[in-house]
Amino acid sequence: MSAIAQAPRVARPRRGSSARLKAKPQLLGGGVVWIVLFAALLAGVVAVNVAVLRLNVELDRTGQERSQLKADVAALRSELSSTAATSRIERVATEELGLALADPETTTYVTLGPR
């Protein structure tokens, strides 16, 4: 055969142990390190989720307490309004304290001088 028809020969590595070691990709630090790293990251994510859950429970409890306090304030305002009503004050003054309404004709006004 002629030199033109033949393909050039490429040197191939032997199938020995040194060829296998060079062809095998090495993980940075080994597989155990990666497993530990991912486990630590997963534990961190779980810890953050637990913290968020606790905050949500506390926020819900605070919201319920706020609603209860708003209801208490509304009840106290209603009680204050009924306590301060004019008709109630007149009734307490006449029945319990024995006071009477002043007669407008006997009322005297005093005018004070300039300050």
N, C-alpha and C. Protein backbone atom coordinates (compact mmCIF):
# COMPACT_ATOMS: atom_id res chain seq x y z
N MET A 1 0.81 -1.17 0.00
CA MET A 1 0.00 0.00 0.00
C MET A 1 0.86 1.24 0.00
N SER A 2 0.23 2.26 -0.47
CA SER A 2 1.01 3.48 -0.54
C SER A 2 0.83 4.29 0.73
N ALA A 3 1.69 5.23 0.92
CA ALA A 3 1.67 6.05 2.12
C ALA A 3 0.50 7.02 2.10
N ILE A 4 -0.04 7.28 0.91
CA ILE A 4 -1.13 8.23 0.81
C ILE A 4 -2.44 7.60 1.28
N ALA A 5 -2.66 6.36 1.03
CA ALA A 5 -3.92 5.71 1.35
C ALA A 5 -4.04 5.32 2.80
N GLN A 6 -2.96 5.27 3.52
CA GLN A 6 -3.03 4.85 4.91
C GLN A 6 -3.26 6.03 5.84
N ALA A 7 -4.07 5.83 6.82
CA ALA A 7 -4.33 6.86 7.84
C ALA A 7 -3.18 6.85 8.84
N PRO A 8 -2.85 8.01 9.33
CA PRO A 8 -1.76 8.03 10.31
C PRO A 8 -2.18 7.34 11.59
N ARG A 9 -1.24 6.70 12.22
CA ARG A 9 -1.52 5.98 13.46
C ARG A 9 -1.37 6.91 14.64
N VAL A 10 -2.40 6.88 15.51
CA VAL A 10 -2.38 7.70 16.72
C VAL A 10 -1.98 6.80 17.88
N ALA A 11 -1.11 7.30 18.69
CA ALA A 11 -0.66 6.52 19.83
C ALA A 11 -1.77 6.49 20.87
N ARG A 12 -2.18 5.31 21.23
CA ARG A 12 -3.24 5.12 22.24
C ARG A 12 -2.61 4.67 23.54
N PRO A 13 -3.11 5.18 24.66
CA PRO A 13 -2.53 4.72 25.93
C PRO A 13 -2.89 3.28 26.18
N ARG A 14 -2.03 2.62 26.92
CA ARG A 14 -2.29 1.22 27.25
C ARG A 14 -3.44 1.14 28.24
N ARG A 15 -4.03 0.01 28.29
CA ARG A 15 -5.15 -0.20 29.21
C ARG A 15 -4.65 -0.64 30.58
N GLY A 16 -3.65 -0.05 31.03
CA GLY A 16 -3.10 -0.40 32.33
C GLY A 16 -3.74 0.42 33.43
N SER A 17 -3.22 0.25 34.63
CA SER A 17 -3.80 0.94 35.78
C SER A 17 -3.53 2.44 35.74
N SER A 18 -2.42 2.88 35.15
CA SER A 18 -2.13 4.31 35.11
C SER A 18 -3.11 5.04 34.19
N ALA A 19 -3.59 4.39 33.14
CA ALA A 19 -4.55 5.01 32.24
C ALA A 19 -5.90 5.18 32.91
N ARG A 20 -6.26 4.23 33.75
CA ARG A 20 -7.54 4.32 34.45
C ARG A 20 -7.53 5.45 35.48
N LEU A 21 -6.46 5.62 36.18
CA LEU A 21 -6.38 6.67 37.19
C LEU A 21 -6.45 8.05 36.56
N LYS A 22 -5.85 8.22 35.40
CA LYS A 22 -5.87 9.52 34.75
C LYS A 22 -7.24 9.82 34.16
N ALA A 23 -7.96 8.83 33.72
CA ALA A 23 -9.26 9.04 33.08
C ALA A 23 -10.37 9.26 34.10
N LYS A 24 -10.20 8.79 35.33
CA LYS A 24 -11.24 8.91 36.35
C LYS A 24 -11.27 10.33 36.90
N PRO A 25 -12.42 11.04 36.86
CA PRO A 25 -12.48 12.41 37.39
C PRO A 25 -12.43 12.38 38.91
N GLN A 26 -11.69 13.29 39.48
CA GLN A 26 -11.57 13.37 40.94
C GLN A 26 -12.55 14.42 41.48
N LEU A 27 -13.31 14.06 42.49
CA LEU A 27 -14.17 15.03 43.16
C LEU A 27 -13.31 15.85 44.11
N LEU A 28 -13.66 17.09 44.24
CA LEU A 28 -12.92 17.98 45.12
C LEU A 28 -13.18 17.56 46.56
N GLY A 29 -12.23 16.97 47.21
CA GLY A 29 -12.36 16.56 48.59
C GLY A 29 -13.05 15.23 48.79
N GLY A 30 -13.52 14.61 47.77
CA GLY A 30 -14.17 13.32 47.90
C GLY A 30 -15.67 13.44 48.08
N GLY A 31 -16.36 12.35 47.89
CA GLY A 31 -17.82 12.32 47.95
C GLY A 31 -18.37 12.54 49.35
N VAL A 32 -17.65 12.10 50.38
CA VAL A 32 -18.13 12.24 51.75
C VAL A 32 -18.22 13.72 52.14
N VAL A 33 -17.26 14.51 51.68
CA VAL A 33 -17.27 15.94 51.98
C VAL A 33 -18.50 16.60 51.38
N TRP A 34 -18.84 16.24 50.15
CA TRP A 34 -20.01 16.82 49.50
C TRP A 34 -21.30 16.41 50.22
N ILE A 35 -21.36 15.17 50.66
CA ILE A 35 -22.55 14.70 51.37
C ILE A 35 -22.71 15.48 52.68
N VAL A 36 -21.60 15.67 53.40
CA VAL A 36 -21.66 16.42 54.65
C VAL A 36 -22.06 17.88 54.38
N LEU A 37 -21.52 18.46 53.32
CA LEU A 37 -21.86 19.83 52.96
C LEU A 37 -23.35 19.98 52.65
N PHE A 38 -23.88 19.08 51.84
CA PHE A 38 -25.31 19.15 51.51
C PHE A 38 -26.18 18.87 52.72
N ALA A 39 -25.74 17.98 53.60
CA ALA A 39 -26.51 17.71 54.83
C ALA A 39 -26.54 18.96 55.72
N ALA A 40 -25.41 19.66 55.80
CA ALA A 40 -25.37 20.88 56.60
C ALA A 40 -26.27 21.96 56.00
N LEU A 41 -26.27 22.10 54.69
CA LEU A 41 -27.15 23.06 54.03
C LEU A 41 -28.61 22.71 54.26
N LEU A 42 -28.93 21.43 54.16
CA LEU A 42 -30.31 20.99 54.39
C LEU A 42 -30.72 21.26 55.84
N ALA A 43 -29.82 21.01 56.78
CA ALA A 43 -30.14 21.29 58.19
C ALA A 43 -30.36 22.79 58.39
N GLY A 44 -29.60 23.62 57.70
CA GLY A 44 -29.79 25.06 57.79
C GLY A 44 -31.15 25.50 57.27
N VAL A 45 -31.55 24.93 56.15
CA VAL A 45 -32.87 25.26 55.58
C VAL A 45 -33.98 24.83 56.53
N VAL A 46 -33.84 23.66 57.12
CA VAL A 46 -34.86 23.19 58.07
C VAL A 46 -34.90 24.10 59.30
N ALA A 47 -33.74 24.52 59.79
CA ALA A 47 -33.70 25.41 60.95
C ALA A 47 -34.37 26.75 60.65
N VAL A 48 -34.15 27.29 59.46
CA VAL A 48 -34.79 28.55 59.07
C VAL A 48 -36.30 28.37 58.98
N ASN A 49 -36.75 27.25 58.42
CA ASN A 49 -38.19 27.00 58.33
C ASN A 49 -38.83 26.87 59.71
N VAL A 50 -38.14 26.23 60.63
CA VAL A 50 -38.67 26.10 62.00
C VAL A 50 -38.76 27.47 62.66
N ALA A 51 -37.75 28.31 62.45
CA ALA A 51 -37.77 29.65 63.03
C ALA A 51 -38.92 30.47 62.46
N VAL A 52 -39.15 30.37 61.16
CA VAL A 52 -40.25 31.10 60.52
C VAL A 52 -41.59 30.60 61.05
N LEU A 53 -41.71 29.29 61.25
CA LEU A 53 -42.95 28.73 61.78
C LEU A 53 -43.21 29.24 63.19
N ARG A 54 -42.17 29.30 64.03
CA ARG A 54 -42.35 29.82 65.38
C ARG A 54 -42.78 31.29 65.36
N LEU A 55 -42.18 32.07 64.47
CA LEU A 55 -42.56 33.48 64.36
C LEU A 55 -44.01 33.62 63.89
N ASN A 56 -44.44 32.77 62.98
CA ASN A 56 -45.83 32.83 62.51
C ASN A 56 -46.80 32.48 63.63
N VAL A 57 -46.45 31.50 64.45
CA VAL A 57 -47.32 31.14 65.58
C VAL A 57 -47.39 32.30 66.56
N GLU A 58 -46.25 32.92 66.85
CA GLU A 58 -46.24 34.07 67.76
C GLU A 58 -47.03 35.25 67.18
N LEU A 59 -46.91 35.46 65.87
CA LEU A 59 -47.65 36.54 65.21
C LEU A 59 -49.15 36.28 65.27
N ASP A 60 -49.55 35.03 65.10
CA ASP A 60 -50.97 34.68 65.18
C ASP A 60 -51.49 34.92 66.59
N ARG A 61 -50.71 34.52 67.59
CA ARG A 61 -51.10 34.72 68.98
C ARG A 61 -51.22 36.21 69.30
N THR A 62 -50.29 37.00 68.80
CA THR A 62 -50.33 38.44 69.02
C THR A 62 -51.53 39.06 68.33
N GLY A 63 -51.87 38.57 67.13
CA GLY A 63 -53.04 39.07 66.43
C GLY A 63 -54.33 38.78 67.18
N GLN A 64 -54.42 37.58 67.76
CA GLN A 64 -55.60 37.23 68.54
C GLN A 64 -55.70 38.12 69.79
N GLU A 65 -54.55 38.36 70.43
CA GLU A 65 -54.55 39.22 71.62
C GLU A 65 -54.95 40.65 71.25
N ARG A 66 -54.50 41.10 70.09
CA ARG A 66 -54.87 42.44 69.62
C ARG A 66 -56.37 42.54 69.37
N SER A 67 -56.93 41.52 68.75
CA SER A 67 -58.38 41.52 68.51
C SER A 67 -59.15 41.54 69.83
N GLN A 68 -58.68 40.76 70.81
CA GLN A 68 -59.35 40.73 72.12
C GLN A 68 -59.25 42.10 72.79
N LEU A 69 -58.09 42.74 72.68
CA LEU A 69 -57.94 44.06 73.29
C LEU A 69 -58.81 45.11 72.60
N LYS A 70 -58.96 45.01 71.28
CA LYS A 70 -59.87 45.93 70.58
C LYS A 70 -61.30 45.74 71.04
N ALA A 71 -61.71 44.49 71.23
CA ALA A 71 -63.07 44.23 71.72
C ALA A 71 -63.24 44.78 73.13
N ASP A 72 -62.22 44.63 73.98
CA ASP A 72 -62.30 45.17 75.34
C ASP A 72 -62.40 46.69 75.33
N VAL A 73 -61.63 47.34 74.47
CA VAL A 73 -61.68 48.80 74.37
C VAL A 73 -63.06 49.25 73.91
N ALA A 74 -63.64 48.54 72.94
CA ALA A 74 -64.98 48.91 72.47
C ALA A 74 -66.01 48.76 73.59
N ALA A 75 -65.89 47.69 74.39
CA ALA A 75 -66.82 47.48 75.49
C ALA A 75 -66.66 48.58 76.55
N LEU A 76 -65.41 48.94 76.85
CA LEU A 76 -65.18 49.99 77.84
C LEU A 76 -65.66 51.35 77.35
N ARG A 77 -65.49 51.63 76.07
CA ARG A 77 -66.01 52.89 75.53
C ARG A 77 -67.53 52.94 75.62
N SER A 78 -68.17 51.81 75.34
CA SER A 78 -69.63 51.76 75.44
C SER A 78 -70.07 51.98 76.89
N GLU A 79 -69.36 51.34 77.81
CA GLU A 79 -69.70 51.51 79.23
C GLU A 79 -69.47 52.96 79.68
N LEU A 80 -68.39 53.56 79.21
CA LEU A 80 -68.10 54.95 79.56
C LEU A 80 -69.17 55.87 78.98
N SER A 81 -69.60 55.59 77.78
CA SER A 81 -70.63 56.41 77.15
C SER A 81 -71.93 56.34 77.92
N SER A 82 -72.30 55.14 78.34
CA SER A 82 -73.56 55.02 79.09
C SER A 82 -73.41 55.60 80.50
N THR A 83 -72.22 55.52 81.07
CA THR A 83 -72.01 56.08 82.40
C THR A 83 -72.05 57.60 82.37
N ALA A 84 -71.53 58.18 81.30
CA ALA A 84 -71.46 59.63 81.22
C ALA A 84 -72.72 60.25 80.61
N ALA A 85 -73.74 59.48 80.36
CA ALA A 85 -74.96 60.02 79.75
C ALA A 85 -75.63 61.01 80.71
N THR A 86 -76.18 62.08 80.16
CA THR A 86 -76.79 63.15 80.96
C THR A 86 -77.97 62.65 81.77
N SER A 87 -78.80 61.81 81.18
CA SER A 87 -79.97 61.32 81.90
C SER A 87 -79.55 60.49 83.12
N ARG A 88 -78.52 59.73 83.00
CA ARG A 88 -78.05 58.92 84.13
C ARG A 88 -77.51 59.83 85.23
N ILE A 89 -76.77 60.85 84.85
CA ILE A 89 -76.21 61.77 85.84
C ILE A 89 -77.34 62.49 86.59
N GLU A 90 -78.38 62.91 85.86
CA GLU A 90 -79.52 63.56 86.51
C GLU A 90 -80.21 62.61 87.47
N ARG A 91 -80.38 61.37 87.07
CA ARG A 91 -81.05 60.38 87.93
C ARG A 91 -80.24 60.12 89.19
N VAL A 92 -78.93 59.97 89.07
CA VAL A 92 -78.09 59.74 90.24
C VAL A 92 -78.12 60.96 91.16
N ALA A 93 -78.11 62.15 90.58
CA ALA A 93 -78.11 63.38 91.39
C ALA A 93 -79.41 63.52 92.17
N THR A 94 -80.53 63.21 91.54
CA THR A 94 -81.82 63.38 92.24
C THR A 94 -82.11 62.24 93.19
N GLU A 95 -81.87 61.00 92.79
CA GLU A 95 -82.25 59.84 93.62
C GLU A 95 -81.23 59.55 94.71
N GLU A 96 -79.96 59.53 94.36
CA GLU A 96 -78.96 59.10 95.33
C GLU A 96 -78.39 60.25 96.16
N LEU A 97 -78.25 61.42 95.55
CA LEU A 97 -77.63 62.54 96.26
C LEU A 97 -78.66 63.54 96.80
N GLY A 98 -79.93 63.39 96.38
CA GLY A 98 -80.98 64.27 96.89
C GLY A 98 -80.91 65.68 96.34
N LEU A 99 -80.30 65.90 95.20
CA LEU A 99 -80.23 67.22 94.59
C LEU A 99 -81.47 67.46 93.74
N ALA A 100 -81.76 68.74 93.48
CA ALA A 100 -82.90 69.10 92.64
C ALA A 100 -82.43 70.07 91.58
N LEU A 101 -83.20 70.14 90.50
CA LEU A 101 -82.86 71.08 89.43
C LEU A 101 -83.10 72.51 89.92
N ALA A 102 -82.24 73.40 89.52
CA ALA A 102 -82.36 74.79 89.96
C ALA A 102 -83.48 75.47 89.17
N ASP A 103 -84.21 76.33 89.87
CA ASP A 103 -85.27 77.09 89.23
C ASP A 103 -84.62 78.22 88.44
N PRO A 104 -84.89 78.34 87.15
CA PRO A 104 -84.24 79.38 86.36
C PRO A 104 -84.58 80.79 86.83
N GLU A 105 -85.73 80.99 87.46
CA GLU A 105 -86.12 82.33 87.92
C GLU A 105 -85.36 82.75 89.17
N THR A 106 -84.91 81.81 89.94
CA THR A 106 -84.19 82.15 91.17
C THR A 106 -82.68 82.10 90.98
N THR A 107 -82.25 81.87 89.80
CA THR A 107 -80.82 81.81 89.52
C THR A 107 -80.27 83.21 89.38
N THR A 108 -79.16 83.48 90.05
CA THR A 108 -78.52 84.79 90.00
C THR A 108 -77.15 84.62 89.36
N TYR A 109 -76.85 85.54 88.45
CA TYR A 109 -75.55 85.52 87.77
C TYR A 109 -74.70 86.65 88.29
N VAL A 110 -73.43 86.39 88.49
CA VAL A 110 -72.48 87.40 88.99
C VAL A 110 -71.56 87.74 87.86
N THR A 111 -71.42 89.00 87.59
CA THR A 111 -70.50 89.45 86.54
C THR A 111 -69.23 89.93 87.19
N LEU A 112 -68.10 89.39 86.76
CA LEU A 112 -66.81 89.78 87.32
C LEU A 112 -66.20 90.86 86.46
N GLY A 113 -65.37 91.65 87.06
CA GLY A 113 -64.72 92.75 86.34
C GLY A 113 -63.65 92.22 85.39
N PRO A 114 -63.05 93.15 84.65
CA PRO A 114 -62.00 92.73 83.70
C PRO A 114 -60.78 92.19 84.45
N ARG A 115 -60.13 91.36 83.82
CA ARG A 115 -58.96 90.72 84.45
C ARG A 115 -57.78 91.57 84.38
